[in-house]
Amino acid sequence: MEDQVWTAARVATLIGRKFHVSYSVSGATRLMHRLGFSPQVPGRGGLHAAAAARDACRWPG
């Protein structure tokens, strides 16, 4: 399953493909911030870590 995270690197690649201009990762990050957006940072461990954390949670009682 492909992740759905919009990193600055993916945004820079998309801008290059759609508009035929080159942006560095830091340039894409600055552009996104000027437009009111921020890149998404992948979480640690993905779905497996979230499931393990959920399963490890114990409710009192």
N, C-alpha and C. Protein backbone atom coordinates (compact mmCIF):
# COMPACT_ATOMS: atom_id res chain seq x y z
N MET A 1 0.84 -1.18 0.00
CA MET A 1 0.00 0.00 0.00
C MET A 1 0.88 1.24 0.00
N GLU A 2 0.67 2.12 -0.93
CA GLU A 2 1.46 3.34 -1.04
C GLU A 2 0.97 4.34 0.00
N ASP A 3 1.94 5.03 0.64
CA ASP A 3 1.52 6.03 1.62
C ASP A 3 0.96 7.26 0.91
N GLN A 4 0.22 8.05 1.62
CA GLN A 4 -0.45 9.22 1.06
C GLN A 4 0.09 10.50 1.69
N VAL A 5 1.39 10.55 1.96
CA VAL A 5 2.00 11.69 2.61
C VAL A 5 2.60 12.62 1.58
N TRP A 6 2.28 13.91 1.69
CA TRP A 6 2.81 14.91 0.76
C TRP A 6 4.05 15.55 1.38
N THR A 7 5.21 14.99 1.07
CA THR A 7 6.46 15.55 1.54
C THR A 7 6.88 16.69 0.61
N ALA A 8 7.82 17.51 1.08
CA ALA A 8 8.31 18.61 0.26
C ALA A 8 8.96 18.07 -1.02
N ALA A 9 9.63 16.93 -0.93
CA ALA A 9 10.26 16.34 -2.12
C ALA A 9 9.20 15.94 -3.15
N ARG A 10 8.08 15.38 -2.70
CA ARG A 10 7.02 15.01 -3.64
C ARG A 10 6.38 16.25 -4.27
N VAL A 11 6.22 17.29 -3.46
CA VAL A 11 5.64 18.53 -4.00
C VAL A 11 6.58 19.13 -5.05
N ALA A 12 7.88 19.15 -4.76
CA ALA A 12 8.85 19.68 -5.72
C ALA A 12 8.81 18.88 -7.03
N THR A 13 8.69 17.57 -6.94
CA THR A 13 8.59 16.72 -8.13
C THR A 13 7.31 17.03 -8.91
N LEU A 14 6.21 17.16 -8.21
CA LEU A 14 4.93 17.46 -8.86
C LEU A 14 4.97 18.81 -9.58
N ILE A 15 5.54 19.82 -8.91
CA ILE A 15 5.66 21.14 -9.53
C ILE A 15 6.48 21.04 -10.81
N GLY A 16 7.58 20.30 -10.75
CA GLY A 16 8.42 20.13 -11.93
C GLY A 16 7.68 19.47 -13.09
N ARG A 17 6.90 18.44 -12.78
CA ARG A 17 6.17 17.71 -13.83
C ARG A 17 5.03 18.54 -14.42
N LYS A 18 4.31 19.26 -13.57
CA LYS A 18 3.13 20.00 -14.03
C LYS A 18 3.48 21.32 -14.70
N PHE A 19 4.52 22.01 -14.19
CA PHE A 19 4.79 23.37 -14.64
C PHE A 19 6.15 23.53 -15.31
N HIS A 20 6.90 22.45 -15.41
CA HIS A 20 8.21 22.45 -16.08
C HIS A 20 9.16 23.50 -15.50
N VAL A 21 9.15 23.61 -14.18
CA VAL A 21 10.10 24.45 -13.46
C VAL A 21 10.75 23.60 -12.38
N SER A 22 11.94 23.99 -11.98
CA SER A 22 12.68 23.20 -11.01
C SER A 22 12.67 23.89 -9.65
N TYR A 23 12.28 23.15 -8.62
CA TYR A 23 12.32 23.62 -7.24
C TYR A 23 13.14 22.64 -6.42
N SER A 24 13.99 23.18 -5.54
CA SER A 24 14.67 22.32 -4.58
C SER A 24 13.67 21.95 -3.50
N VAL A 25 14.03 21.00 -2.66
CA VAL A 25 13.14 20.61 -1.57
C VAL A 25 12.92 21.81 -0.63
N SER A 26 13.98 22.53 -0.32
CA SER A 26 13.83 23.69 0.57
C SER A 26 13.02 24.80 -0.11
N GLY A 27 13.19 24.95 -1.42
CA GLY A 27 12.41 25.95 -2.15
C GLY A 27 10.93 25.60 -2.18
N ALA A 28 10.62 24.31 -2.34
CA ALA A 28 9.23 23.87 -2.31
C ALA A 28 8.63 24.07 -0.93
N THR A 29 9.43 23.84 0.11
CA THR A 29 8.95 24.06 1.48
C THR A 29 8.63 25.53 1.70
N ARG A 30 9.53 26.43 1.27
CA ARG A 30 9.27 27.87 1.43
C ARG A 30 8.05 28.30 0.64
N LEU A 31 7.89 27.80 -0.58
CA LEU A 31 6.72 28.12 -1.39
C LEU A 31 5.44 27.66 -0.69
N MET A 32 5.45 26.44 -0.18
CA MET A 32 4.27 25.91 0.51
C MET A 32 3.90 26.77 1.71
N HIS A 33 4.91 27.18 2.49
CA HIS A 33 4.64 28.02 3.66
C HIS A 33 4.07 29.37 3.26
N ARG A 34 4.58 29.95 2.17
CA ARG A 34 4.04 31.24 1.69
C ARG A 34 2.58 31.11 1.28
N LEU A 35 2.20 29.93 0.80
CA LEU A 35 0.82 29.69 0.37
C LEU A 35 -0.07 29.19 1.51
N GLY A 36 0.50 29.03 2.70
CA GLY A 36 -0.28 28.61 3.85
C GLY A 36 -0.33 27.11 4.08
N PHE A 37 0.54 26.37 3.42
CA PHE A 37 0.58 24.92 3.57
C PHE A 37 1.87 24.51 4.26
N SER A 38 1.91 23.28 4.74
CA SER A 38 3.15 22.73 5.26
C SER A 38 3.24 21.28 4.81
N PRO A 39 4.46 20.81 4.55
CA PRO A 39 4.60 19.41 4.12
C PRO A 39 4.27 18.47 5.26
N GLN A 40 3.82 17.28 4.92
CA GLN A 40 3.54 16.26 5.91
C GLN A 40 4.78 15.41 6.12
N VAL A 41 5.09 15.15 7.35
CA VAL A 41 6.26 14.34 7.68
C VAL A 41 5.78 12.92 7.96
N PRO A 42 6.37 11.91 7.32
CA PRO A 42 5.95 10.54 7.58
C PRO A 42 6.13 10.18 9.06
N GLY A 43 5.16 9.48 9.61
CA GLY A 43 5.25 9.04 11.00
C GLY A 43 6.22 7.89 11.13
N ARG A 44 6.66 7.66 12.34
CA ARG A 44 7.59 6.57 12.59
C ARG A 44 6.85 5.26 12.69
N GLY A 45 7.24 4.29 11.91
CA GLY A 45 6.70 2.94 12.03
C GLY A 45 5.44 2.68 11.24
N GLY A 46 4.76 3.70 10.81
CA GLY A 46 3.57 3.52 9.98
C GLY A 46 2.43 2.82 10.69
N LEU A 47 1.66 2.09 9.92
CA LEU A 47 0.45 1.45 10.43
C LEU A 47 0.74 0.39 11.48
N HIS A 48 1.85 -0.32 11.33
CA HIS A 48 2.17 -1.39 12.27
C HIS A 48 2.43 -0.82 13.67
N ALA A 49 3.13 0.31 13.74
CA ALA A 49 3.40 0.93 15.03
C ALA A 49 2.11 1.42 15.68
N ALA A 50 1.22 1.99 14.88
CA ALA A 50 -0.05 2.47 15.42
C ALA A 50 -0.89 1.30 15.95
N ALA A 51 -0.91 0.21 15.23
CA ALA A 51 -1.66 -0.97 15.67
C ALA A 51 -1.05 -1.54 16.95
N ALA A 52 0.26 -1.57 17.03
CA ALA A 52 0.92 -2.10 18.23
C ALA A 52 0.63 -1.20 19.43
N ALA A 53 0.65 0.11 19.23
CA ALA A 53 0.35 1.04 20.31
C ALA A 53 -1.09 0.88 20.77
N ARG A 54 -1.99 0.71 19.83
CA ARG A 54 -3.41 0.53 20.16
C ARG A 54 -3.61 -0.76 20.96
N ASP A 55 -2.96 -1.82 20.50
CA ASP A 55 -3.10 -3.11 21.17
C ASP A 55 -2.47 -3.11 22.55
N ALA A 56 -1.43 -2.30 22.75
CA ALA A 56 -0.75 -2.26 24.04
C ALA A 56 -1.51 -1.42 25.06
N CYS A 57 -2.46 -0.63 24.62
CA CYS A 57 -3.23 0.25 25.52
C CYS A 57 -4.14 -0.62 26.40
N ARG A 58 -4.05 -0.39 27.69
CA ARG A 58 -4.88 -1.15 28.65
C ARG A 58 -5.75 -0.16 29.42
N TRP A 59 -7.03 -0.41 29.46
CA TRP A 59 -7.95 0.44 30.22
C TRP A 59 -8.03 -0.10 31.64
N PRO A 60 -8.09 0.79 32.63
CA PRO A 60 -8.22 0.33 34.02
C PRO A 60 -9.54 -0.39 34.22
N GLY A 61 -9.53 -1.34 35.10
CA GLY A 61 -10.79 -2.00 35.40
C GLY A 61 -10.76 -3.42 35.29
